[in-house]
């Protein structure tokens, strides 16, 4: 697994590092910390300092004999291309610090594609919905266009419940495991929500798939419950759930029912109302 974490020097970035460290510990993932700055001829000192501090914080969550990443031997950044610097180390797993110039959302999406990341994580300020300082709608634009799953952490706190609303026709193994990781991370209960379609003929298939999902998680000793919600009511249900639980939405390909139901404005509303985190699964 490879995780890309978009970070800046603000408090909302600092607060997500603990969750990143716990997820890295659970998955033994390769980690990429990405900072984005305005165009200059060298990495900004404040951003360099912040990324190195966050890297050190992640390392501190591991005991010395369990740390899967090697120590950085220097802070000599390599310029990969104009406006693109990297600092990397490899132990059992790889840890990379990356700084690029440009737009945060665009660069996060570009780097995730280049490195074939499985997950993008970023925080956001809770003062104005879910924003990044200096750039509007960063979490929304990343969630909308990313090539992989996206976890937006608004407030770093444990949630008692994960509400997983998955497209029952095309659930991927990686998505199921990602939800499992959230359950483990937060020691939370799991509610699997299916969406009833207006065509009655499809509901039997949905119910069958729900039973399969329930068995999948129960076999992994994850306490799960299932619930069916009418498609007309699912937006209200998800919005209400996001105020207390972490919501995981499957928004996969063009045929995804969830993607059809949840427009850009609806995802933006969820990012605004959530009190903890929102996971967009692909």
Protein backbone atom coordinates (compact mmCIF):
# COMPACT_ATOMS: atom_id res chain seq x y z
CA UNK A 1 0.00 0.00 0.00
CA UNK A 2 1.20 3.52 -0.80
CA UNK A 3 -0.24 6.54 1.02
CA UNK A 4 0.13 10.15 -0.11
CA UNK A 5 -0.40 12.77 2.61
CA UNK A 6 -0.91 16.38 1.48
CA UNK A 7 0.41 18.71 4.17
CA UNK A 8 1.22 22.34 4.89
CA UNK A 9 2.48 24.13 8.01
CA UNK A 10 -1.00 24.81 9.43
CA UNK A 11 -2.54 23.31 12.57
CA UNK A 12 -5.06 21.14 10.70
CA UNK A 13 -2.15 19.34 8.99
CA UNK A 14 -0.28 18.80 12.23
CA UNK A 15 -3.34 17.24 13.86
CA UNK A 16 -3.74 14.45 11.30
CA UNK A 17 -0.21 13.08 11.73
CA UNK A 18 -1.22 10.75 14.56
CA UNK A 19 -3.90 9.09 12.42
CA UNK A 20 -1.40 8.79 9.55
CA UNK A 21 1.10 7.11 11.88
CA UNK A 22 -1.49 4.66 13.19
CA UNK A 23 -2.60 3.79 9.66
CA UNK A 24 1.03 3.36 8.57
CA UNK A 25 1.57 1.04 11.53
CA UNK A 26 -1.49 -1.07 10.67
CA UNK A 27 -0.76 -1.35 6.95
CA UNK A 28 3.05 -1.07 6.76
CA UNK A 29 2.53 1.33 3.88
CA UNK A 30 5.02 3.29 1.82
CA UNK A 31 4.48 6.94 2.81
CA UNK A 32 4.79 10.12 0.73
CA UNK A 33 4.48 13.50 2.46
CA UNK A 34 3.68 16.18 -0.12
CA UNK A 35 4.00 19.90 0.48
CA UNK A 36 3.06 22.45 -2.20
CA UNK A 37 4.39 25.99 -2.38
CA UNK A 38 4.30 29.01 -4.66
CA UNK A 39 6.96 29.15 -7.35
CA UNK A 40 10.48 29.71 -5.99
CA UNK A 41 13.93 28.45 -6.89
CA UNK A 42 14.27 26.30 -3.76
CA UNK A 43 12.08 24.57 -1.16
CA UNK A 44 10.57 27.02 1.34
CA UNK A 45 12.21 26.72 4.76
CA UNK A 46 8.89 26.72 6.64
CA UNK A 47 7.56 23.85 4.52
CA UNK A 48 10.80 21.87 4.78
CA UNK A 49 10.76 22.29 8.55
CA UNK A 50 7.11 21.24 8.79
CA UNK A 51 7.55 18.08 6.68
CA UNK A 52 10.63 17.00 8.63
CA UNK A 53 8.77 17.56 11.91
CA UNK A 54 5.79 15.52 10.72
CA UNK A 55 8.12 12.73 9.56
CA UNK A 56 9.80 12.71 12.97
CA UNK A 57 6.39 12.59 14.67
CA UNK A 58 5.40 9.52 12.63
CA UNK A 59 8.65 7.77 13.52
CA UNK A 60 8.03 8.47 17.22
CA UNK A 61 4.92 6.27 17.19
CA UNK A 62 7.07 3.20 16.44
CA UNK A 63 9.50 1.49 18.78
CA UNK A 64 13.07 1.43 17.43
CA UNK A 65 12.93 -2.29 16.63
CA UNK A 66 9.57 -2.04 14.84
CA UNK A 67 10.21 1.04 12.69
CA UNK A 68 9.80 -0.06 9.02
CA UNK A 69 11.41 3.13 7.68
CA UNK A 70 15.10 4.08 7.64
CA UNK A 71 16.41 7.28 9.18
CA UNK A 72 17.16 10.17 6.84
CA UNK A 73 20.94 10.50 6.50
CA UNK A 74 20.75 14.15 5.40
CA UNK A 75 18.35 16.91 4.49
CA UNK A 76 19.83 17.43 1.02
CA UNK A 77 16.84 17.72 -1.28
CA UNK A 78 17.20 16.41 -4.81
CA UNK A 79 15.65 18.50 -7.56
CA UNK A 80 13.80 16.00 -9.77
CA UNK A 81 12.60 18.71 -12.17
CA UNK A 82 12.03 22.45 -12.07
CA UNK A 83 9.86 23.15 -9.02
CA UNK A 84 9.92 19.52 -7.85
CA UNK A 85 12.16 18.43 -4.95
CA UNK A 86 12.38 15.09 -3.16
CA UNK A 87 14.01 13.59 -0.06
CA UNK A 88 13.65 9.84 0.36
CA UNK A 89 14.80 6.91 2.48
CA UNK A 90 14.15 3.18 2.31
CA UNK A 91 14.14 0.61 5.06
CA UNK A 92 11.71 -2.27 4.91
CA UNK A 93 9.32 0.37 3.48
CA UNK A 94 9.93 3.68 1.75
CA UNK A 95 9.34 7.15 3.23
CA UNK A 96 9.49 10.16 0.89
CA UNK A 97 9.20 13.90 1.44
CA UNK A 98 8.17 15.79 -1.68
CA UNK A 99 7.79 19.51 -2.37
CA UNK A 100 6.27 20.84 -5.58
CA UNK A 101 5.17 24.24 -6.81
CA UNK A 102 1.68 25.05 -8.03
CA UNK A 103 -1.87 24.26 -6.92
CA UNK A 104 -2.27 21.95 -3.92
CA UNK A 105 -5.20 20.00 -5.37
CA UNK A 106 -3.65 19.66 -8.82
CA UNK A 107 -0.26 18.56 -7.49
CA UNK A 108 -1.76 16.05 -5.05
CA UNK A 109 -3.73 14.45 -7.86
CA UNK A 110 -0.73 14.51 -10.24
CA UNK A 111 1.69 12.94 -7.73
CA UNK A 112 -0.88 10.30 -6.73
CA UNK A 113 -1.18 9.29 -10.39
CA UNK A 114 2.58 9.33 -10.98
CA UNK A 115 3.31 7.16 -7.94
CA UNK A 116 0.19 4.98 -8.28
CA UNK A 117 -0.92 5.71 -4.72
CA UNK A 118 -3.73 3.76 -3.08
CA UNK A 119 -4.89 6.52 -0.74
CA UNK A 120 -4.63 10.29 -0.37
CA UNK A 121 -5.00 11.77 3.12
CA UNK A 122 -5.39 15.43 3.94
CA UNK A 123 -6.78 17.55 6.72
CA UNK A 124 -8.74 20.78 6.52
CA UNK A 125 -9.75 23.73 8.65
CA UNK A 126 -13.13 23.54 10.37
CA UNK A 127 -13.54 27.33 10.51
CA UNK A 128 -15.07 27.74 7.06
CA UNK A 129 -16.56 24.36 6.33
CA UNK A 130 -13.52 22.36 5.20
CA UNK A 131 -10.88 24.66 3.70
CA UNK A 132 -7.14 24.99 3.24
CA UNK A 133 -5.46 28.26 4.01
CA UNK A 134 -4.81 30.25 0.85
CA UNK A 135 -6.64 27.97 -1.58
CA UNK A 136 -10.36 27.28 -1.90
CA UNK A 137 -12.05 23.87 -2.07
CA UNK A 138 -8.84 21.81 -1.90
CA UNK A 139 -10.42 18.73 -0.23
CA UNK A 140 -13.42 18.85 -2.60
CA UNK A 141 -11.28 19.07 -5.74
CA UNK A 142 -8.98 16.29 -4.56
CA UNK A 143 -11.94 14.06 -3.64
CA UNK A 144 -13.60 14.71 -6.99
CA UNK A 145 -10.64 14.06 -9.31
CA UNK A 146 -8.25 11.76 -7.45
CA UNK A 147 -7.33 8.44 -9.10
CA UNK A 148 -7.54 6.61 -5.76
CA UNK A 149 -9.45 6.70 -2.48
CA UNK A 150 -9.35 9.94 -0.47
CA UNK A 151 -9.60 10.34 3.31
CA UNK A 152 -10.36 13.89 4.47
CA UNK A 153 -9.82 14.31 8.22
CA UNK A 154 -11.61 17.37 9.52
CA UNK A 155 -11.06 16.70 13.19
CA UNK A 156 -8.64 14.07 14.48
CA UNK A 157 -10.82 12.23 16.96
CA UNK A 158 -12.14 8.73 17.45
CA UNK A 159 -15.53 8.00 15.95
CA UNK A 160 -17.81 5.40 17.50
CA UNK A 161 -19.21 4.29 14.16
CA UNK A 162 -18.20 3.94 10.51
CA UNK A 163 -21.15 4.25 8.12
CA UNK A 164 -20.15 2.55 4.87
CA UNK A 165 -22.33 3.21 1.84
CA UNK A 166 -20.92 1.12 -0.97
CA UNK A 167 -21.98 0.51 -4.54
CA UNK A 168 -23.09 -3.10 -4.12
CA UNK A 169 -22.45 -4.03 -7.75
CA UNK A 170 -18.76 -3.11 -7.93
CA UNK A 171 -17.25 -3.26 -4.46
CA UNK A 172 -13.49 -3.67 -4.73
CA UNK A 173 -11.38 -5.65 -2.30
CA UNK A 174 -9.21 -2.60 -1.61
CA UNK A 175 -12.31 -0.61 -0.62
CA UNK A 176 -13.49 -3.31 1.77
CA UNK A 177 -10.05 -3.41 3.38
CA UNK A 178 -9.90 0.39 3.63
CA UNK A 179 -13.15 0.39 5.61
CA UNK A 180 -11.75 -2.41 7.76
CA UNK A 181 -8.69 -0.24 8.51
CA UNK A 182 -10.91 2.65 9.63
CA UNK A 183 -12.84 0.36 11.94
CA UNK A 184 -9.59 -0.90 13.48
CA UNK A 185 -8.08 2.58 13.68
CA UNK A 186 -11.02 3.99 15.62
CA UNK A 187 -12.13 0.81 17.41
CA UNK A 188 -15.55 1.61 15.96
CA UNK A 189 -18.70 -0.23 15.00
CA UNK A 190 -19.53 -0.66 11.32
CA UNK A 191 -22.89 -0.04 9.68
CA UNK A 192 -23.15 -1.20 6.06
CA UNK A 193 -25.83 0.74 4.21
CA UNK A 194 -27.39 -0.47 0.98
CA UNK A 195 -29.39 1.79 -1.30
CA UNK A 196 -32.75 0.50 -2.53
CA UNK A 197 -33.38 1.22 -6.17
CA UNK A 198 -36.79 1.97 -7.63
CA UNK A 199 -36.58 -1.14 -9.80
CA UNK A 200 -37.81 -3.87 -7.46
CA UNK A 201 -36.00 -6.52 -9.50
CA UNK A 202 -32.64 -5.14 -8.39
CA UNK A 203 -33.40 -5.08 -4.67
CA UNK A 204 -33.05 -8.86 -4.25
CA UNK A 205 -29.56 -8.57 -5.72
CA UNK A 206 -28.72 -5.72 -3.35
CA UNK A 207 -29.95 -7.66 -0.31
CA UNK A 208 -27.88 -10.67 -1.38
CA UNK A 209 -24.80 -8.49 -1.72
CA UNK A 210 -25.42 -6.99 1.73
CA UNK A 211 -25.42 -10.48 3.26
CA UNK A 212 -22.10 -11.21 1.51
CA UNK A 213 -20.59 -8.00 2.89
CA UNK A 214 -21.84 -8.80 6.38
CA UNK A 215 -20.23 -12.25 6.19
CA UNK A 216 -16.97 -10.74 4.89
CA UNK A 217 -16.62 -8.47 7.92
CA UNK A 218 -17.91 -10.97 10.46
CA UNK A 219 -15.28 -13.46 9.24
CA UNK A 220 -12.70 -10.80 10.11
CA UNK A 221 -14.23 -10.35 13.56
CA UNK A 222 -15.56 -6.90 12.70
CA UNK A 223 -18.91 -6.24 14.36
CA UNK A 224 -21.13 -5.04 11.51
CA UNK A 225 -24.79 -4.23 10.97
CA UNK A 226 -26.67 -3.82 7.70
CA UNK A 227 -29.36 -1.32 6.76
CA UNK A 228 -31.29 -0.61 3.56
CA UNK A 229 -32.24 2.97 2.69
CA UNK A 230 -34.48 4.17 -0.14
CA UNK A 231 -32.56 6.08 -2.81
CA UNK A 232 -34.85 9.09 -2.22
CA UNK A 233 -33.74 9.27 1.42
CA UNK A 234 -30.06 8.37 1.19
CA UNK A 235 -28.75 11.97 0.90
CA UNK A 236 -30.50 13.02 4.12
CA UNK A 237 -29.39 9.82 5.86
CA UNK A 238 -25.75 10.34 4.92
CA UNK A 239 -25.78 14.02 5.90
CA UNK A 240 -27.21 13.20 9.32
CA UNK A 241 -24.74 10.34 9.81
CA UNK A 242 -21.75 12.55 8.94
CA UNK A 243 -22.39 14.72 11.99
CA UNK A 244 -21.33 11.92 14.34
CA UNK A 245 -19.90 9.00 12.36
CA UNK A 246 -17.19 8.66 9.72
CA UNK A 247 -18.91 8.18 6.37
CA UNK A 248 -17.33 6.01 3.66
CA UNK A 249 -18.83 6.62 0.22
CA UNK A 250 -18.15 4.42 -2.80
CA UNK A 251 -17.89 6.74 -5.81
CA UNK A 252 -16.37 4.53 -8.46
CA UNK A 253 -17.02 4.34 -12.19
CA UNK A 254 -19.68 5.91 -14.37
CA UNK A 255 -22.22 3.22 -13.46
CA UNK A 256 -21.87 3.85 -9.74
CA UNK A 257 -25.29 4.56 -8.24
CA UNK A 258 -23.70 6.50 -5.36
CA UNK A 259 -21.79 8.72 -7.80
CA UNK A 260 -25.03 9.48 -9.60
CA UNK A 261 -26.80 10.36 -6.36
CA UNK A 262 -24.03 12.52 -4.88
CA UNK A 263 -23.20 15.62 -6.88
CA UNK A 264 -20.19 17.90 -6.32
CA UNK A 265 -22.34 20.18 -4.14
CA UNK A 266 -23.51 17.22 -2.06
CA UNK A 267 -19.95 16.07 -1.37
CA UNK A 268 -19.07 19.67 -0.49
CA UNK A 269 -21.97 19.70 1.98
CA UNK A 270 -20.73 16.47 3.57
CA UNK A 271 -17.24 17.94 3.96
CA UNK A 272 -18.81 20.95 5.63
CA UNK A 273 -21.06 19.05 8.03
CA UNK A 274 -18.80 16.18 9.05
CA UNK A 275 -17.31 16.42 12.53
CA UNK A 276 -14.59 13.84 12.00
CA UNK A 277 -13.71 12.45 8.56
CA UNK A 278 -15.07 11.51 5.15
CA UNK A 279 -13.69 8.63 3.08
CA UNK A 280 -14.28 8.64 -0.68
CA UNK A 281 -13.67 5.12 -2.01
CA UNK A 282 -12.68 4.23 -5.55
